[in-house]
Amino acid sequence: MMFYLDTFLAEAEESSSGVDLLLPATSELVAGVVAFAVVFFFVWKWALPAMNETLDKRSAEIEGQIKEAENTKSEAEKSKQEYDALVSNADAEVQKIIDEGKQAAEKLKEDVLTEARAEAEAIIEKAKSDSDAEKERVSTELKSEVADLSLEISQKVASSMSKADQKKLIEKFIKELN
């Protein structure tokens, strides 16, 4: 059979003209097609599945990395929300502490003022009572001295006055004291 194929191919080469010059020789065409078919078969049978397996693995790795990145992103967003909540709570806590401090300072101020007023009133009352006591003491002392002087004067005047004049003088003096 090879002999016939060679003969057929040889005749085909000898009769080449015109359009046949553009086409390859039949033997070359057949050999090329057979070689392509053999190579295509080996690629299809062994290389293509290996490439598909490699591509599938790579695709799975990429999908895993994408999912991991999405998980990381969602965790980061969750952490940011928690951080924002903590910052917000901290701001509220700081404001609460400031308000409590202001209230405590205001209460302390009121307590100090109330205590100062009470002390001032106590000092004023003590001064008034001391003043009244001093007035009473001075008044008593003065009355005592006046009584002593009056007694002296009345003894001197009494020795020179009549009993009726002495009685009038004593009554007048008592009226003046009251």
N, C-alpha and C. Protein backbone atom coordinates (compact mmCIF):
# COMPACT_ATOMS: atom_id res chain seq x y z
N MET A 1 0.81 -1.17 0.00
CA MET A 1 0.00 0.00 0.00
C MET A 1 0.86 1.24 0.00
N MET A 2 1.95 1.19 0.65
CA MET A 2 2.84 2.34 0.65
C MET A 2 3.33 2.64 -0.76
N PHE A 3 3.51 1.60 -1.48
CA PHE A 3 3.99 1.79 -2.83
C PHE A 3 2.99 2.59 -3.64
N TYR A 4 1.73 2.27 -3.53
CA TYR A 4 0.71 2.99 -4.26
C TYR A 4 0.61 4.43 -3.79
N LEU A 5 0.77 4.61 -2.51
CA LEU A 5 0.71 5.97 -1.97
C LEU A 5 1.86 6.81 -2.49
N ASP A 6 3.06 6.21 -2.55
CA ASP A 6 4.21 6.94 -3.08
C ASP A 6 4.01 7.26 -4.55
N THR A 7 3.48 6.34 -5.29
CA THR A 7 3.25 6.55 -6.71
C THR A 7 2.22 7.65 -6.88
N PHE A 8 1.19 7.59 -6.13
CA PHE A 8 0.13 8.60 -6.24
C PHE A 8 0.68 9.98 -5.89
N LEU A 9 1.50 10.02 -4.89
CA LEU A 9 2.06 11.29 -4.48
C LEU A 9 3.05 11.81 -5.52
N ALA A 10 3.82 10.91 -6.11
CA ALA A 10 4.78 11.32 -7.13
C ALA A 10 4.06 11.88 -8.33
N GLU A 11 2.98 11.28 -8.74
CA GLU A 11 2.22 11.77 -9.89
C GLU A 11 1.61 13.12 -9.56
N ALA A 12 1.17 13.28 -8.35
CA ALA A 12 0.55 14.54 -7.97
C ALA A 12 1.57 15.65 -7.99
N GLU A 13 2.82 15.36 -7.65
CA GLU A 13 3.85 16.38 -7.63
C GLU A 13 4.25 16.77 -9.05
N GLU A 14 4.27 15.85 -9.95
CA GLU A 14 4.68 16.14 -11.31
C GLU A 14 3.65 16.98 -12.03
N SER A 15 2.41 16.85 -11.70
CA SER A 15 1.39 17.57 -12.42
C SER A 15 1.02 18.88 -11.74
N SER A 16 1.86 19.46 -10.92
CA SER A 16 1.57 20.70 -10.21
C SER A 16 1.62 21.86 -11.18
N SER A 17 0.57 22.63 -11.12
CA SER A 17 0.55 23.84 -11.92
C SER A 17 -0.53 24.76 -11.38
N GLY A 18 -0.40 26.03 -11.55
CA GLY A 18 -1.39 27.04 -11.20
C GLY A 18 -1.76 27.04 -9.73
N VAL A 19 -2.98 26.63 -9.43
CA VAL A 19 -3.52 26.66 -8.08
C VAL A 19 -2.81 25.63 -7.22
N ASP A 20 -2.34 24.57 -7.83
CA ASP A 20 -1.66 23.53 -7.07
C ASP A 20 -0.36 24.06 -6.45
N LEU A 21 0.17 25.12 -7.02
CA LEU A 21 1.39 25.70 -6.46
C LEU A 21 1.11 26.34 -5.09
N LEU A 22 -0.09 26.80 -4.90
CA LEU A 22 -0.45 27.43 -3.62
C LEU A 22 -0.74 26.39 -2.54
N LEU A 23 -1.18 25.24 -2.92
CA LEU A 23 -1.52 24.21 -1.95
C LEU A 23 -0.30 23.36 -1.67
N PRO A 24 -0.16 22.82 -0.45
CA PRO A 24 0.98 21.97 -0.16
C PRO A 24 0.83 20.62 -0.88
N ALA A 25 1.93 19.94 -0.90
CA ALA A 25 1.91 18.63 -1.55
C ALA A 25 1.03 17.72 -0.73
N THR A 26 0.41 16.77 -1.35
CA THR A 26 -0.54 15.90 -0.69
C THR A 26 0.15 15.08 0.39
N SER A 27 1.34 14.61 0.13
CA SER A 27 2.05 13.82 1.13
C SER A 27 2.36 14.66 2.37
N GLU A 28 2.72 15.90 2.13
CA GLU A 28 3.00 16.80 3.26
C GLU A 28 1.72 17.10 4.02
N LEU A 29 0.64 17.26 3.28
CA LEU A 29 -0.64 17.56 3.91
C LEU A 29 -1.10 16.38 4.76
N VAL A 30 -0.98 15.18 4.23
CA VAL A 30 -1.41 14.00 4.97
C VAL A 30 -0.53 13.82 6.19
N ALA A 31 0.79 13.95 6.04
CA ALA A 31 1.71 13.80 7.16
C ALA A 31 1.43 14.86 8.22
N GLY A 32 1.15 16.08 7.80
CA GLY A 32 0.84 17.16 8.75
C GLY A 32 -0.44 16.90 9.51
N VAL A 33 -1.46 16.40 8.77
CA VAL A 33 -2.74 16.11 9.42
C VAL A 33 -2.57 14.98 10.41
N VAL A 34 -1.82 13.93 10.03
CA VAL A 34 -1.61 12.80 10.93
C VAL A 34 -0.83 13.27 12.16
N ALA A 35 0.23 14.05 11.95
CA ALA A 35 1.03 14.55 13.08
C ALA A 35 0.18 15.44 13.98
N PHE A 36 -0.65 16.30 13.39
CA PHE A 36 -1.53 17.17 14.18
C PHE A 36 -2.50 16.34 14.99
N ALA A 37 -3.05 15.28 14.36
CA ALA A 37 -4.01 14.42 15.05
C ALA A 37 -3.35 13.71 16.22
N VAL A 38 -2.12 13.22 16.02
CA VAL A 38 -1.42 12.52 17.09
C VAL A 38 -1.12 13.49 18.23
N VAL A 39 -0.58 14.65 17.89
CA VAL A 39 -0.27 15.66 18.92
C VAL A 39 -1.55 16.11 19.62
N PHE A 40 -2.62 16.34 18.83
CA PHE A 40 -3.89 16.77 19.41
C PHE A 40 -4.43 15.71 20.37
N PHE A 41 -4.30 14.43 19.98
CA PHE A 41 -4.76 13.34 20.83
C PHE A 41 -4.00 13.32 22.15
N PHE A 42 -2.65 13.42 22.09
CA PHE A 42 -1.84 13.41 23.32
C PHE A 42 -2.15 14.64 24.18
N VAL A 43 -2.30 15.77 23.55
CA VAL A 43 -2.65 16.99 24.32
C VAL A 43 -4.02 16.81 24.96
N TRP A 44 -4.97 16.32 24.18
CA TRP A 44 -6.33 16.14 24.67
C TRP A 44 -6.38 15.11 25.80
N LYS A 45 -5.60 14.06 25.68
CA LYS A 45 -5.66 12.96 26.62
C LYS A 45 -4.90 13.27 27.91
N TRP A 46 -3.69 13.90 27.83
CA TRP A 46 -2.88 14.07 29.04
C TRP A 46 -2.61 15.53 29.40
N ALA A 47 -2.29 16.35 28.49
CA ALA A 47 -1.92 17.74 28.81
C ALA A 47 -3.14 18.57 29.19
N LEU A 48 -4.23 18.43 28.45
CA LEU A 48 -5.41 19.25 28.73
C LEU A 48 -5.99 18.96 30.11
N PRO A 49 -6.14 17.69 30.54
CA PRO A 49 -6.63 17.47 31.90
C PRO A 49 -5.69 18.03 32.96
N ALA A 50 -4.38 17.91 32.73
CA ALA A 50 -3.42 18.46 33.70
C ALA A 50 -3.55 19.98 33.77
N MET A 51 -3.69 20.62 32.60
CA MET A 51 -3.87 22.09 32.59
C MET A 51 -5.19 22.47 33.25
N ASN A 52 -6.26 21.72 32.96
CA ASN A 52 -7.55 22.01 33.58
C ASN A 52 -7.48 21.84 35.09
N GLU A 53 -6.78 20.79 35.54
CA GLU A 53 -6.62 20.57 36.97
C GLU A 53 -5.85 21.72 37.61
N THR A 54 -4.77 22.15 36.96
CA THR A 54 -3.98 23.28 37.46
C THR A 54 -4.83 24.55 37.49
N LEU A 55 -5.58 24.79 36.43
CA LEU A 55 -6.45 25.97 36.38
C LEU A 55 -7.53 25.90 37.45
N ASP A 56 -8.10 24.70 37.66
CA ASP A 56 -9.13 24.55 38.70
C ASP A 56 -8.55 24.82 40.09
N LYS A 57 -7.33 24.28 40.33
CA LYS A 57 -6.68 24.53 41.62
C LYS A 57 -6.43 26.02 41.81
N ARG A 58 -5.91 26.64 40.77
CA ARG A 58 -5.63 28.09 40.86
C ARG A 58 -6.91 28.87 41.07
N SER A 59 -7.97 28.48 40.37
CA SER A 59 -9.26 29.15 40.53
C SER A 59 -9.78 28.97 41.96
N ALA A 60 -9.64 27.75 42.51
CA ALA A 60 -10.08 27.51 43.88
C ALA A 60 -9.25 28.33 44.87
N GLU A 61 -7.94 28.44 44.64
CA GLU A 61 -7.09 29.26 45.51
C GLU A 61 -7.51 30.72 45.47
N ILE A 62 -7.78 31.20 44.26
CA ILE A 62 -8.20 32.61 44.11
C ILE A 62 -9.53 32.84 44.81
N GLU A 63 -10.49 31.91 44.64
CA GLU A 63 -11.78 32.05 45.32
C GLU A 63 -11.60 32.02 46.83
N GLY A 64 -10.71 31.13 47.32
CA GLY A 64 -10.43 31.08 48.76
C GLY A 64 -9.83 32.39 49.25
N GLN A 65 -8.92 32.96 48.48
CA GLN A 65 -8.31 34.23 48.86
C GLN A 65 -9.35 35.35 48.85
N ILE A 66 -10.26 35.30 47.87
CA ILE A 66 -11.32 36.33 47.81
C ILE A 66 -12.22 36.20 49.03
N LYS A 67 -12.61 34.96 49.37
CA LYS A 67 -13.46 34.77 50.56
C LYS A 67 -12.74 35.21 51.82
N GLU A 68 -11.45 34.88 51.91
CA GLU A 68 -10.66 35.30 53.07
C GLU A 68 -10.57 36.82 53.16
N ALA A 69 -10.39 37.45 52.00
CA ALA A 69 -10.33 38.92 51.98
C ALA A 69 -11.68 39.51 52.40
N GLU A 70 -12.78 38.90 51.93
CA GLU A 70 -14.11 39.39 52.32
C GLU A 70 -14.33 39.21 53.82
N ASN A 71 -13.90 38.04 54.34
CA ASN A 71 -14.03 37.81 55.79
C ASN A 71 -13.20 38.82 56.58
N THR A 72 -11.98 39.05 56.11
CA THR A 72 -11.12 40.03 56.78
C THR A 72 -11.74 41.41 56.73
N LYS A 73 -12.32 41.75 55.58
CA LYS A 73 -12.96 43.06 55.43
C LYS A 73 -14.15 43.18 56.38
N SER A 74 -14.98 42.12 56.45
CA SER A 74 -16.14 42.19 57.35
C SER A 74 -15.70 42.26 58.81
N GLU A 75 -14.63 41.52 59.16
CA GLU A 75 -14.11 41.60 60.53
C GLU A 75 -13.57 43.00 60.83
N ALA A 76 -12.90 43.59 59.83
CA ALA A 76 -12.37 44.95 60.02
C ALA A 76 -13.52 45.94 60.21
N GLU A 77 -14.59 45.78 59.42
CA GLU A 77 -15.74 46.68 59.56
C GLU A 77 -16.39 46.49 60.93
N LYS A 78 -16.49 45.23 61.36
CA LYS A 78 -17.07 44.96 62.68
C LYS A 78 -16.21 45.57 63.78
N SER A 79 -14.89 45.41 63.65
CA SER A 79 -13.97 46.01 64.63
C SER A 79 -14.09 47.52 64.63
N LYS A 80 -14.24 48.11 63.45
CA LYS A 80 -14.38 49.57 63.36
C LYS A 80 -15.67 50.01 64.04
N GLN A 81 -16.77 49.26 63.82
CA GLN A 81 -18.03 49.61 64.47
C GLN A 81 -17.91 49.49 65.98
N GLU A 82 -17.24 48.43 66.45
CA GLU A 82 -17.03 48.29 67.89
C GLU A 82 -16.19 49.43 68.43
N TYR A 83 -15.14 49.80 67.70
CA TYR A 83 -14.28 50.91 68.10
C TYR A 83 -15.09 52.21 68.15
N ASP A 84 -15.90 52.44 67.10
CA ASP A 84 -16.72 53.65 67.09
C ASP A 84 -17.68 53.66 68.27
N ALA A 85 -18.26 52.49 68.58
CA ALA A 85 -19.17 52.41 69.72
C ALA A 85 -18.42 52.70 71.02
N LEU A 86 -17.22 52.15 71.15
CA LEU A 86 -16.41 52.41 72.35
C LEU A 86 -16.07 53.89 72.48
N VAL A 87 -15.69 54.50 71.35
CA VAL A 87 -15.35 55.93 71.37
C VAL A 87 -16.58 56.74 71.75
N SER A 88 -17.73 56.37 71.18
CA SER A 88 -18.97 57.08 71.50
C SER A 88 -19.30 56.92 72.99
N ASN A 89 -19.17 55.69 73.49
CA ASN A 89 -19.43 55.45 74.91
C ASN A 89 -18.43 56.21 75.78
N ALA A 90 -17.18 56.24 75.34
CA ALA A 90 -16.16 56.97 76.10
C ALA A 90 -16.49 58.46 76.13
N ASP A 91 -16.93 59.00 74.99
CA ASP A 91 -17.31 60.42 74.95
C ASP A 91 -18.47 60.68 75.90
N ALA A 92 -19.46 59.79 75.88
CA ALA A 92 -20.60 59.95 76.78
C ALA A 92 -20.16 59.84 78.23
N GLU A 93 -19.26 58.91 78.52
CA GLU A 93 -18.76 58.73 79.88
C GLU A 93 -17.98 59.96 80.34
N VAL A 94 -17.16 60.51 79.45
CA VAL A 94 -16.40 61.72 79.78
C VAL A 94 -17.36 62.87 80.08
N GLN A 95 -18.39 63.02 79.23
CA GLN A 95 -19.36 64.09 79.45
C GLN A 95 -20.09 63.88 80.77
N LYS A 96 -20.42 62.62 81.08
CA LYS A 96 -21.11 62.31 82.34
C LYS A 96 -20.21 62.68 83.53
N ILE A 97 -18.93 62.32 83.44
CA ILE A 97 -17.99 62.64 84.52
C ILE A 97 -17.86 64.14 84.68
N ILE A 98 -17.78 64.86 83.56
CA ILE A 98 -17.68 66.33 83.62
C ILE A 98 -18.93 66.90 84.28
N ASP A 99 -20.11 66.41 83.87
CA ASP A 99 -21.36 66.91 84.46
C ASP A 99 -21.41 66.60 85.96
N GLU A 100 -21.01 65.38 86.33
CA GLU A 100 -21.00 65.03 87.76
C GLU A 100 -20.02 65.91 88.53
N GLY A 101 -18.87 66.20 87.92
CA GLY A 101 -17.90 67.08 88.56
C GLY A 101 -18.46 68.48 88.76
N LYS A 102 -19.15 68.98 87.73
CA LYS A 102 -19.76 70.31 87.84
C LYS A 102 -20.82 70.32 88.94
N GLN A 103 -21.64 69.26 88.98
CA GLN A 103 -22.67 69.19 90.01
C GLN A 103 -22.05 69.11 91.41
N ALA A 104 -20.99 68.31 91.53
CA ALA A 104 -20.33 68.19 92.83
C ALA A 104 -19.71 69.52 93.25
N ALA A 105 -19.11 70.22 92.28
CA ALA A 105 -18.52 71.53 92.58
C ALA A 105 -19.60 72.52 92.99
N GLU A 106 -20.73 72.49 92.30
CA GLU A 106 -21.84 73.40 92.63
C GLU A 106 -22.38 73.08 94.03
N LYS A 107 -22.53 71.79 94.33
CA LYS A 107 -23.01 71.39 95.65
C LYS A 107 -22.02 71.81 96.73
N LEU A 108 -20.73 71.59 96.46
CA LEU A 108 -19.69 71.98 97.42
C LEU A 108 -19.73 73.49 97.64
N LYS A 109 -19.91 74.24 96.55
CA LYS A 109 -19.99 75.70 96.65
C LYS A 109 -21.17 76.09 97.53
N GLU A 110 -22.33 75.47 97.28
CA GLU A 110 -23.52 75.78 98.07
C GLU A 110 -23.31 75.40 99.54
N ASP A 111 -22.69 74.24 99.77
CA ASP A 111 -22.43 73.81 101.15
C ASP A 111 -21.50 74.79 101.86
N VAL A 112 -20.45 75.21 101.16
CA VAL A 112 -19.49 76.15 101.76
C VAL A 112 -20.18 77.48 102.05
N LEU A 113 -21.00 77.95 101.08
CA LEU A 113 -21.71 79.22 101.31
C LEU A 113 -22.69 79.10 102.47
N THR A 114 -23.41 77.98 102.54
CA THR A 114 -24.36 77.78 103.64
C THR A 114 -23.63 77.75 104.98
N GLU A 115 -22.52 77.03 105.01
CA GLU A 115 -21.73 76.95 106.24
C GLU A 115 -21.17 78.32 106.62
N ALA A 116 -20.70 79.07 105.62
CA ALA A 116 -20.16 80.41 105.89
C ALA A 116 -21.25 81.34 106.42
N ARG A 117 -22.44 81.24 105.81
CA ARG A 117 -23.55 82.08 106.29
C ARG A 117 -23.91 81.72 107.73
N ALA A 118 -23.95 80.41 108.01
CA ALA A 118 -24.29 79.98 109.37
C ALA A 118 -23.24 80.47 110.36
N GLU A 119 -21.97 80.36 109.98
CA GLU A 119 -20.90 80.84 110.86
C GLU A 119 -21.00 82.36 111.05
N ALA A 120 -21.30 83.07 109.96
CA ALA A 120 -21.43 84.53 110.06
C ALA A 120 -22.59 84.90 110.97
N GLU A 121 -23.72 84.20 110.82
CA GLU A 121 -24.87 84.47 111.68
C GLU A 121 -24.54 84.15 113.14
N ALA A 122 -23.81 83.05 113.35
CA ALA A 122 -23.43 82.69 114.72
C ALA A 122 -22.51 83.75 115.31
N ILE A 123 -21.57 84.24 114.49
CA ILE A 123 -20.66 85.30 114.97
C ILE A 123 -21.45 86.56 115.28
N ILE A 124 -22.40 86.90 114.40
CA ILE A 124 -23.21 88.11 114.63
C ILE A 124 -24.04 87.94 115.90
N GLU A 125 -24.67 86.77 116.07
CA GLU A 125 -25.48 86.53 117.28
C GLU A 125 -24.61 86.60 118.53
N LYS A 126 -23.41 86.01 118.46
CA LYS A 126 -22.51 86.05 119.61
C LYS A 126 -22.11 87.49 119.90
N ALA A 127 -21.83 88.25 118.82
CA ALA A 127 -21.45 89.65 119.02
C ALA A 127 -22.60 90.43 119.64
N LYS A 128 -23.84 90.15 119.15
CA LYS A 128 -25.00 90.84 119.72
C LYS A 128 -25.17 90.47 121.20
N SER A 129 -25.06 89.17 121.49
CA SER A 129 -25.25 88.76 122.89
C SER A 129 -24.12 89.31 123.76
N ASP A 130 -22.87 89.31 123.21
CA ASP A 130 -21.76 89.90 123.96
C ASP A 130 -22.00 91.39 124.17
N SER A 131 -22.50 92.05 123.12
CA SER A 131 -22.78 93.48 123.21
C SER A 131 -23.88 93.75 124.24
N ASP A 132 -24.95 92.92 124.18
CA ASP A 132 -26.04 93.10 125.14
C ASP A 132 -25.56 92.84 126.57
N ALA A 133 -24.74 91.80 126.71
CA ALA A 133 -24.21 91.49 128.05
C ALA A 133 -23.32 92.62 128.54
N GLU A 134 -22.49 93.16 127.62
CA GLU A 134 -21.62 94.27 128.01
C GLU A 134 -22.45 95.50 128.36
N LYS A 135 -23.51 95.75 127.57
CA LYS A 135 -24.39 96.89 127.89
C LYS A 135 -25.02 96.70 129.27
N GLU A 136 -25.49 95.48 129.49
CA GLU A 136 -26.12 95.18 130.78
C GLU A 136 -25.12 95.36 131.92
N ARG A 137 -23.89 94.85 131.71
CA ARG A 137 -22.86 94.98 132.74
C ARG A 137 -22.54 96.46 132.99
N VAL A 138 -22.36 97.21 131.87
CA VAL A 138 -22.05 98.64 132.02
C VAL A 138 -23.22 99.37 132.67
N SER A 139 -24.43 99.01 132.25
CA SER A 139 -25.61 99.67 132.82
C SER A 139 -25.71 99.39 134.32
N THR A 140 -25.48 98.11 134.67
CA THR A 140 -25.53 97.74 136.09
C THR A 140 -24.44 98.46 136.86
N GLU A 141 -23.26 98.48 136.27
CA GLU A 141 -22.14 99.15 136.93
C GLU A 141 -22.43 100.65 137.06
N LEU A 142 -22.96 101.22 136.00
CA LEU A 142 -23.28 102.65 136.01
C LEU A 142 -24.36 102.95 137.05
N LYS A 143 -25.38 102.09 137.11
CA LYS A 143 -26.44 102.28 138.09
C LYS A 143 -25.87 102.19 139.50
N SER A 144 -24.97 101.25 139.65
CA SER A 144 -24.36 101.09 140.97
C SER A 144 -23.58 102.34 141.35
N GLU A 145 -22.80 102.86 140.39
CA GLU A 145 -22.04 104.08 140.68
C GLU A 145 -22.98 105.26 140.92
N VAL A 146 -24.02 105.34 140.08
CA VAL A 146 -24.98 106.44 140.26
C VAL A 146 -25.65 106.33 141.63
N ALA A 147 -25.98 105.10 142.00
CA ALA A 147 -26.62 104.91 143.31
C ALA A 147 -25.67 105.33 144.43
N ASP A 148 -24.39 104.93 144.24
CA ASP A 148 -23.41 105.32 145.26
C ASP A 148 -23.26 106.83 145.31
N LEU A 149 -23.13 107.45 144.13
CA LEU A 149 -23.00 108.91 144.09
C LEU A 149 -24.26 109.58 144.64
N SER A 150 -25.38 109.01 144.25
CA SER A 150 -26.64 109.59 144.74
C SER A 150 -26.73 109.49 146.25
N LEU A 151 -26.28 108.37 146.74
CA LEU A 151 -26.31 108.19 148.17
C LEU A 151 -25.40 109.21 148.85
N GLU A 152 -24.21 109.39 148.27
CA GLU A 152 -23.29 110.37 148.84
C GLU A 152 -23.90 111.77 148.78
N ILE A 153 -24.41 112.09 147.56
CA ILE A 153 -24.99 113.43 147.40
C ILE A 153 -26.19 113.59 148.32
N SER A 154 -27.00 112.54 148.35
CA SER A 154 -28.20 112.67 149.18
C SER A 154 -27.85 112.78 150.66
N GLN A 155 -26.77 112.13 151.06
CA GLN A 155 -26.36 112.26 152.46
C GLN A 155 -25.88 113.69 152.72
N LYS A 156 -25.15 114.23 151.74
CA LYS A 156 -24.68 115.60 151.94
C LYS A 156 -25.86 116.57 151.90
N VAL A 157 -26.75 116.35 150.91
CA VAL A 157 -27.89 117.26 150.79
C VAL A 157 -28.87 117.02 151.95
N ALA A 158 -29.01 115.75 152.33
CA ALA A 158 -29.95 115.40 153.38
C ALA A 158 -29.57 116.05 154.70
N SER A 159 -28.31 116.13 154.90
CA SER A 159 -27.90 116.74 156.15
C SER A 159 -28.28 118.22 156.14
N SER A 160 -28.37 118.83 154.95
CA SER A 160 -28.72 120.23 154.90
C SER A 160 -30.17 120.47 154.51
N MET A 161 -30.97 119.43 154.20
CA MET A 161 -32.36 119.59 153.75
C MET A 161 -33.33 119.04 154.79
N SER A 162 -34.55 119.46 154.60
CA SER A 162 -35.59 118.96 155.49
C SER A 162 -36.07 117.61 154.98
N LYS A 163 -36.85 116.93 155.80
CA LYS A 163 -37.29 115.59 155.43
C LYS A 163 -38.21 115.64 154.23
N ALA A 164 -39.05 116.58 154.06
CA ALA A 164 -39.97 116.69 152.93
C ALA A 164 -39.19 116.96 151.66
N ASP A 165 -38.18 117.82 151.74
CA ASP A 165 -37.35 118.09 150.56
C ASP A 165 -36.55 116.84 150.17
N GLN A 166 -36.09 116.11 151.16
CA GLN A 166 -35.33 114.89 150.87
C GLN A 166 -36.21 113.87 150.15
N LYS A 167 -37.47 113.74 150.60
CA LYS A 167 -38.38 112.79 150.00
C LYS A 167 -38.68 113.17 148.57
N LYS A 168 -38.88 114.44 148.26
CA LYS A 168 -39.15 114.91 146.90
C LYS A 168 -37.94 114.65 145.99
N LEU A 169 -36.79 114.90 146.51
CA LEU A 169 -35.55 114.71 145.75
C LEU A 169 -35.35 113.23 145.40
N ILE A 170 -35.61 112.36 146.33
CA ILE A 170 -35.45 110.91 146.09
C ILE A 170 -36.46 110.45 145.06
N GLU A 171 -37.68 110.88 145.13
CA GLU A 171 -38.70 110.48 144.16
C GLU A 171 -38.34 110.99 142.76
N LYS A 172 -37.86 112.22 142.69
CA LYS A 172 -37.45 112.80 141.40
C LYS A 172 -36.29 112.00 140.81
N PHE A 173 -35.36 111.62 141.64
CA PHE A 173 -34.19 110.88 141.18
C PHE A 173 -34.59 109.49 140.68
N ILE A 174 -35.50 108.84 141.36
CA ILE A 174 -35.97 107.51 140.96
C ILE A 174 -36.69 107.59 139.62
N LYS A 175 -37.47 108.65 139.43
CA LYS A 175 -38.16 108.83 138.15
C LYS A 175 -37.16 109.01 137.02
N GLU A 176 -36.11 109.74 137.27
CA GLU A 176 -35.09 109.97 136.24
C GLU A 176 -34.33 108.68 135.90
N LEU A 177 -34.14 107.83 136.89
CA LEU A 177 -33.44 106.56 136.63
C LEU A 177 -34.27 105.63 135.74
N ASN A 178 -35.53 105.64 135.95
CA ASN A 178 -36.39 104.75 135.17
C ASN A 178 -36.57 105.33 133.80
